[in-house]
N, C-alpha and C. Protein backbone atom coordinates (compact mmCIF):
# COMPACT_ATOMS: atom_id res chain seq x y z
N MET A 1 -41.86 36.99 4.35
CA MET A 1 -42.12 35.57 4.28
C MET A 1 -40.82 34.78 4.30
N ARG A 2 -39.81 35.30 3.66
CA ARG A 2 -38.54 34.61 3.59
C ARG A 2 -37.91 34.45 4.97
N THR A 3 -37.99 35.50 5.78
CA THR A 3 -37.41 35.44 7.12
C THR A 3 -38.10 34.39 7.97
N SER A 4 -39.42 34.28 7.92
CA SER A 4 -40.10 33.30 8.76
C SER A 4 -39.78 31.87 8.32
N ARG A 5 -39.62 31.65 7.03
CA ARG A 5 -39.22 30.31 6.57
C ARG A 5 -37.81 29.99 7.05
N PHE A 6 -36.94 30.98 6.97
CA PHE A 6 -35.57 30.80 7.43
C PHE A 6 -35.56 30.49 8.93
N GLN A 7 -36.35 31.24 9.71
CA GLN A 7 -36.42 31.00 11.14
C GLN A 7 -36.99 29.62 11.43
N ALA A 8 -37.98 29.20 10.68
CA ALA A 8 -38.56 27.86 10.86
C ALA A 8 -37.52 26.78 10.57
N LYS A 9 -36.72 27.00 9.53
CA LYS A 9 -35.67 26.02 9.21
C LYS A 9 -34.63 25.97 10.32
N LEU A 10 -34.28 27.13 10.86
CA LEU A 10 -33.32 27.16 11.96
C LEU A 10 -33.86 26.43 13.19
N LEU A 11 -35.13 26.66 13.49
CA LEU A 11 -35.76 25.99 14.63
C LEU A 11 -35.78 24.48 14.41
N LEU A 12 -36.14 24.06 13.22
CA LEU A 12 -36.17 22.64 12.91
C LEU A 12 -34.77 22.04 13.04
N ALA A 13 -33.77 22.73 12.52
CA ALA A 13 -32.39 22.24 12.62
C ALA A 13 -31.96 22.11 14.07
N ALA A 14 -32.34 23.09 14.91
CA ALA A 14 -31.99 23.04 16.33
C ALA A 14 -32.67 21.85 17.01
N LEU A 15 -33.94 21.59 16.66
CA LEU A 15 -34.65 20.46 17.24
C LEU A 15 -34.02 19.14 16.82
N VAL A 16 -33.67 19.04 15.55
CA VAL A 16 -33.04 17.81 15.05
C VAL A 16 -31.70 17.60 15.73
N MET A 17 -30.91 18.65 15.85
CA MET A 17 -29.61 18.52 16.51
C MET A 17 -29.79 18.13 17.97
N GLY A 18 -30.79 18.69 18.62
CA GLY A 18 -31.05 18.33 20.02
C GLY A 18 -31.43 16.88 20.15
N ALA A 19 -32.28 16.37 19.27
CA ALA A 19 -32.67 14.96 19.30
C ALA A 19 -31.49 14.07 18.98
N ALA A 20 -30.69 14.48 18.02
CA ALA A 20 -29.53 13.66 17.63
C ALA A 20 -28.53 13.58 18.77
N SER A 21 -28.44 14.63 19.58
CA SER A 21 -27.45 14.63 20.65
C SER A 21 -27.78 13.62 21.75
N LEU A 22 -29.01 13.11 21.78
CA LEU A 22 -29.37 12.12 22.79
C LEU A 22 -28.48 10.89 22.72
N SER A 23 -27.97 10.58 21.57
CA SER A 23 -27.19 9.35 21.42
C SER A 23 -25.69 9.60 21.51
N TRP A 24 -25.26 10.77 21.95
CA TRP A 24 -23.84 11.09 21.93
C TRP A 24 -23.11 10.79 23.23
N ALA A 25 -23.77 10.31 24.24
CA ALA A 25 -23.10 10.04 25.51
C ALA A 25 -22.63 8.60 25.58
N GLN A 26 -21.63 8.38 26.41
CA GLN A 26 -21.10 7.03 26.62
C GLN A 26 -22.22 6.11 27.08
N PRO A 27 -22.19 4.84 26.64
CA PRO A 27 -23.21 3.87 27.05
C PRO A 27 -23.20 3.67 28.57
N MET A 28 -24.33 3.15 29.06
CA MET A 28 -24.43 2.82 30.48
C MET A 28 -25.17 1.50 30.62
N VAL A 29 -25.18 0.92 31.80
CA VAL A 29 -25.86 -0.34 32.04
C VAL A 29 -27.17 -0.06 32.77
N THR A 30 -28.28 -0.57 32.22
CA THR A 30 -29.60 -0.43 32.83
C THR A 30 -30.27 -1.80 32.80
N ASP A 31 -30.64 -2.30 33.96
CA ASP A 31 -31.32 -3.61 34.06
C ASP A 31 -30.58 -4.71 33.31
N GLY A 32 -29.26 -4.72 33.41
CA GLY A 32 -28.47 -5.80 32.84
C GLY A 32 -28.17 -5.70 31.35
N VAL A 33 -28.57 -4.60 30.70
CA VAL A 33 -28.26 -4.42 29.28
C VAL A 33 -27.63 -3.05 29.08
N LEU A 34 -26.90 -2.89 27.98
CA LEU A 34 -26.33 -1.59 27.67
C LEU A 34 -27.41 -0.70 27.09
N THR A 35 -27.41 0.56 27.50
CA THR A 35 -28.38 1.53 27.02
C THR A 35 -27.68 2.85 26.72
N ASP A 36 -28.41 3.71 26.00
CA ASP A 36 -27.91 5.07 25.83
C ASP A 36 -28.29 5.86 27.09
N LYS A 37 -27.97 7.15 27.13
CA LYS A 37 -28.22 7.91 28.35
C LYS A 37 -29.70 8.10 28.66
N THR A 38 -30.58 7.83 27.69
CA THR A 38 -32.03 7.93 27.94
C THR A 38 -32.64 6.59 28.34
N GLY A 39 -31.81 5.54 28.42
CA GLY A 39 -32.30 4.23 28.81
C GLY A 39 -32.76 3.36 27.65
N ILE A 40 -32.55 3.82 26.41
CA ILE A 40 -32.94 3.04 25.23
C ILE A 40 -31.91 1.93 25.00
N THR A 41 -32.38 0.73 24.75
CA THR A 41 -31.55 -0.46 24.57
C THR A 41 -30.58 -0.29 23.41
N LEU A 42 -29.36 -0.79 23.62
CA LEU A 42 -28.34 -0.80 22.58
C LEU A 42 -28.13 -2.23 22.08
N TYR A 43 -27.67 -2.31 20.83
CA TYR A 43 -27.51 -3.61 20.15
C TYR A 43 -26.14 -3.72 19.52
N VAL A 44 -25.75 -4.98 19.27
CA VAL A 44 -24.56 -5.29 18.47
C VAL A 44 -24.99 -6.06 17.23
N PHE A 45 -24.17 -5.99 16.19
CA PHE A 45 -24.45 -6.57 14.88
C PHE A 45 -23.38 -7.60 14.58
N ASP A 46 -23.78 -8.86 14.39
CA ASP A 46 -22.81 -9.93 14.13
C ASP A 46 -21.92 -9.64 12.93
N ASN A 47 -22.43 -8.97 11.92
CA ASN A 47 -21.63 -8.69 10.72
C ASN A 47 -20.47 -7.73 11.00
N ASP A 48 -20.52 -7.02 12.12
CA ASP A 48 -19.42 -6.13 12.47
C ASP A 48 -18.16 -6.90 12.83
N THR A 49 -18.29 -8.16 13.16
CA THR A 49 -17.11 -8.94 13.55
C THR A 49 -16.24 -9.32 12.35
N THR A 50 -16.75 -9.13 11.13
CA THR A 50 -15.97 -9.51 9.95
C THR A 50 -14.79 -8.58 9.71
N VAL A 51 -14.91 -7.32 10.10
CA VAL A 51 -13.81 -6.37 9.97
C VAL A 51 -13.67 -5.63 11.30
N PRO A 52 -12.83 -6.14 12.20
CA PRO A 52 -12.69 -5.52 13.51
C PRO A 52 -12.39 -4.02 13.41
N GLY A 53 -13.04 -3.26 14.30
CA GLY A 53 -12.81 -1.82 14.32
C GLY A 53 -13.60 -1.05 13.29
N LYS A 54 -14.48 -1.72 12.56
CA LYS A 54 -15.30 -1.06 11.53
C LYS A 54 -16.75 -1.42 11.74
N SER A 55 -17.63 -0.56 11.24
CA SER A 55 -19.06 -0.85 11.27
C SER A 55 -19.49 -1.36 9.90
N ALA A 56 -20.19 -2.48 9.90
CA ALA A 56 -20.72 -3.04 8.65
C ALA A 56 -22.12 -2.51 8.36
N CYS A 57 -22.69 -1.74 9.29
CA CYS A 57 -24.03 -1.17 9.10
C CYS A 57 -23.88 0.18 8.40
N THR A 58 -24.09 0.16 7.09
CA THR A 58 -23.99 1.36 6.27
C THR A 58 -25.18 1.39 5.33
N GLY A 59 -25.32 2.45 4.58
CA GLY A 59 -26.39 2.54 3.58
C GLY A 59 -27.76 2.33 4.16
N ALA A 60 -28.54 1.42 3.56
CA ALA A 60 -29.92 1.16 3.97
C ALA A 60 -30.02 0.66 5.40
N CYS A 61 -29.00 0.02 5.89
CA CYS A 61 -28.99 -0.48 7.28
C CYS A 61 -29.24 0.68 8.25
N LEU A 62 -28.73 1.85 7.92
CA LEU A 62 -28.86 3.00 8.81
C LEU A 62 -30.27 3.56 8.86
N ASN A 63 -31.16 3.08 7.99
CA ASN A 63 -32.55 3.50 8.07
C ASN A 63 -33.25 2.93 9.30
N MET A 64 -32.73 1.80 9.81
CA MET A 64 -33.36 1.16 10.96
C MET A 64 -32.46 1.08 12.18
N TRP A 65 -31.18 1.26 11.99
CA TRP A 65 -30.23 1.14 13.08
C TRP A 65 -29.42 2.43 13.18
N THR A 66 -29.51 3.09 14.32
CA THR A 66 -28.78 4.34 14.53
C THR A 66 -27.52 4.06 15.33
N PRO A 67 -26.36 4.40 14.79
CA PRO A 67 -25.13 4.23 15.57
C PRO A 67 -25.19 5.07 16.85
N LEU A 68 -24.59 4.58 17.90
CA LEU A 68 -24.44 5.38 19.11
C LEU A 68 -23.20 6.24 18.90
N TYR A 69 -23.44 7.47 18.46
CA TYR A 69 -22.34 8.37 18.13
C TYR A 69 -21.64 8.89 19.37
N GLY A 70 -20.39 9.22 19.20
CA GLY A 70 -19.60 9.85 20.25
C GLY A 70 -19.25 11.26 19.85
N GLU A 71 -19.22 12.16 20.82
CA GLU A 71 -18.84 13.54 20.56
C GLU A 71 -17.37 13.59 20.16
N ALA A 72 -17.00 14.66 19.48
CA ALA A 72 -15.62 14.82 19.01
C ALA A 72 -14.62 14.76 20.16
N ASN A 73 -15.02 15.21 21.34
CA ASN A 73 -14.10 15.21 22.49
C ASN A 73 -14.28 13.99 23.40
N ALA A 74 -15.08 13.01 22.98
CA ALA A 74 -15.30 11.80 23.78
C ALA A 74 -14.00 11.03 23.93
N LYS A 75 -13.85 10.39 25.07
CA LYS A 75 -12.64 9.61 25.36
C LYS A 75 -13.01 8.17 25.67
N SER A 76 -12.26 7.24 25.10
CA SER A 76 -12.44 5.83 25.41
C SER A 76 -12.18 5.61 26.89
N GLN A 77 -12.91 4.64 27.46
CA GLN A 77 -12.73 4.34 28.87
C GLN A 77 -13.02 2.87 29.10
N GLY A 78 -12.00 2.11 29.47
CA GLY A 78 -12.16 0.68 29.75
C GLY A 78 -12.65 -0.08 28.53
N GLU A 79 -13.76 -0.78 28.69
CA GLU A 79 -14.32 -1.59 27.60
C GLU A 79 -15.07 -0.76 26.57
N TYR A 80 -15.25 0.54 26.85
CA TYR A 80 -15.96 1.43 25.94
C TYR A 80 -14.95 2.24 25.15
N THR A 81 -14.91 1.98 23.86
CA THR A 81 -13.97 2.68 22.99
C THR A 81 -14.73 3.30 21.83
N LEU A 82 -14.01 4.04 21.03
CA LEU A 82 -14.61 4.73 19.89
C LEU A 82 -13.94 4.29 18.60
N ILE A 83 -14.73 4.17 17.55
CA ILE A 83 -14.20 3.93 16.21
C ILE A 83 -14.63 5.11 15.34
N THR A 84 -13.92 5.29 14.25
CA THR A 84 -14.31 6.31 13.28
C THR A 84 -15.03 5.62 12.14
N ARG A 85 -16.27 6.01 11.91
CA ARG A 85 -17.08 5.45 10.82
C ARG A 85 -16.57 5.99 9.48
N ASP A 86 -16.99 5.36 8.41
CA ASP A 86 -16.58 5.79 7.08
C ASP A 86 -16.97 7.24 6.78
N ASP A 87 -18.05 7.73 7.45
CA ASP A 87 -18.47 9.12 7.24
C ASP A 87 -17.71 10.10 8.12
N GLY A 88 -16.75 9.59 8.90
CA GLY A 88 -15.92 10.43 9.76
C GLY A 88 -16.45 10.63 11.16
N LYS A 89 -17.67 10.19 11.45
CA LYS A 89 -18.24 10.33 12.79
C LYS A 89 -17.70 9.25 13.71
N LEU A 90 -17.64 9.58 15.00
CA LEU A 90 -17.22 8.61 16.00
C LEU A 90 -18.41 7.78 16.44
N GLN A 91 -18.16 6.49 16.72
CA GLN A 91 -19.20 5.59 17.20
C GLN A 91 -18.66 4.83 18.40
N TRP A 92 -19.49 4.74 19.45
CA TRP A 92 -19.12 3.98 20.64
C TRP A 92 -19.12 2.49 20.33
N THR A 93 -18.19 1.79 20.97
CA THR A 93 -18.15 0.33 20.91
C THR A 93 -18.06 -0.21 22.34
N HIS A 94 -18.45 -1.46 22.49
CA HIS A 94 -18.27 -2.17 23.75
C HIS A 94 -17.48 -3.42 23.43
N LYS A 95 -16.31 -3.54 24.05
CA LYS A 95 -15.41 -4.67 23.78
C LYS A 95 -15.14 -4.76 22.27
N GLY A 96 -15.01 -3.60 21.62
CA GLY A 96 -14.68 -3.54 20.20
C GLY A 96 -15.87 -3.69 19.26
N ARG A 97 -17.06 -3.91 19.79
CA ARG A 97 -18.25 -4.11 18.93
C ARG A 97 -19.06 -2.82 18.87
N PRO A 98 -19.26 -2.26 17.68
CA PRO A 98 -20.05 -1.03 17.55
C PRO A 98 -21.45 -1.19 18.12
N LEU A 99 -21.96 -0.10 18.70
CA LEU A 99 -23.27 -0.10 19.34
C LEU A 99 -24.28 0.70 18.53
N TYR A 100 -25.54 0.22 18.54
CA TYR A 100 -26.62 0.82 17.75
C TYR A 100 -27.91 0.85 18.56
N ARG A 101 -28.83 1.72 18.09
CA ARG A 101 -30.20 1.73 18.59
C ARG A 101 -31.12 1.28 17.46
N TRP A 102 -32.17 0.52 17.80
CA TRP A 102 -33.19 0.06 16.85
C TRP A 102 -34.23 1.16 16.71
N TYR A 103 -34.58 1.51 15.49
CA TYR A 103 -35.46 2.65 15.25
C TYR A 103 -36.84 2.52 15.90
N ALA A 104 -37.32 1.30 16.14
CA ALA A 104 -38.67 1.11 16.67
C ALA A 104 -38.72 1.05 18.20
N ASP A 105 -37.56 1.02 18.86
CA ASP A 105 -37.57 1.05 20.33
C ASP A 105 -37.87 2.48 20.77
N ALA A 106 -39.04 2.68 21.36
CA ALA A 106 -39.50 4.03 21.68
C ALA A 106 -39.28 4.42 23.13
N LYS A 107 -39.16 3.42 24.01
CA LYS A 107 -39.03 3.76 25.43
C LYS A 107 -38.05 2.80 26.10
N PRO A 108 -37.52 3.22 27.26
CA PRO A 108 -36.61 2.33 27.99
C PRO A 108 -37.26 0.96 28.22
N GLY A 109 -36.45 -0.07 28.05
CA GLY A 109 -36.93 -1.43 28.24
C GLY A 109 -37.38 -2.11 26.96
N ASP A 110 -37.68 -1.34 25.90
CA ASP A 110 -38.03 -1.95 24.61
C ASP A 110 -36.82 -2.69 24.07
N LYS A 111 -37.07 -3.87 23.51
CA LYS A 111 -35.99 -4.69 22.94
C LYS A 111 -36.45 -5.31 21.62
N GLY A 112 -37.16 -4.52 20.82
CA GLY A 112 -37.74 -5.00 19.57
C GLY A 112 -36.75 -5.45 18.53
N GLY A 113 -35.51 -4.99 18.63
CA GLY A 113 -34.51 -5.37 17.64
C GLY A 113 -33.77 -6.65 17.98
N ASN A 114 -34.00 -7.19 19.17
CA ASN A 114 -33.25 -8.37 19.60
C ASN A 114 -33.60 -9.59 18.76
N GLY A 115 -32.58 -10.21 18.18
CA GLY A 115 -32.76 -11.43 17.39
C GLY A 115 -33.15 -11.19 15.94
N LEU A 116 -33.28 -9.95 15.52
CA LEU A 116 -33.67 -9.70 14.12
C LEU A 116 -32.66 -10.31 13.17
N ARG A 117 -33.22 -11.02 12.19
CA ARG A 117 -32.42 -11.71 11.17
C ARG A 117 -31.29 -12.55 11.76
N SER A 118 -31.42 -12.88 13.02
CA SER A 118 -30.45 -13.69 13.76
C SER A 118 -29.05 -13.08 13.80
N VAL A 119 -28.94 -11.78 13.53
CA VAL A 119 -27.63 -11.12 13.55
C VAL A 119 -27.60 -9.88 14.44
N TRP A 120 -28.75 -9.48 14.98
CA TRP A 120 -28.81 -8.32 15.87
C TRP A 120 -29.14 -8.81 17.27
N HIS A 121 -28.39 -8.32 18.26
CA HIS A 121 -28.56 -8.79 19.64
C HIS A 121 -28.44 -7.65 20.63
N VAL A 122 -29.22 -7.74 21.71
CA VAL A 122 -29.08 -6.78 22.79
C VAL A 122 -27.63 -6.82 23.28
N ALA A 123 -27.05 -5.65 23.47
CA ALA A 123 -25.69 -5.57 24.00
C ALA A 123 -25.72 -5.72 25.51
N VAL A 124 -24.88 -6.60 26.01
CA VAL A 124 -24.80 -6.84 27.45
C VAL A 124 -23.39 -6.56 27.93
N PRO A 125 -23.30 -6.14 29.21
CA PRO A 125 -21.95 -5.83 29.74
C PRO A 125 -21.08 -7.07 29.88
């Protein structure tokens, strides 16, 4: 019984890591907005402008907003750069503004996070 639980945990961990890796690629432009590699809309947070080069979305904010993470070997290119979050992970930025995905956007073209609390906005090139 112990082995099958262990195998189930390994499988679950592999699935989670696979899903998490969807957000690790450099942003791209789709239909005039920035998206992740799966076409999911990316956003910027006005509060991030208070401390340039840092993300103000921490703690409970991360329950609804997923940073667009960068792989350890990712390289900045043009307007797309990387910052190091307080947890040590890399996050993509556009023109210095950290990029995020809204938890409720399920498919390409969804923009449910746009305008939330008047501080979240679709990222545009």
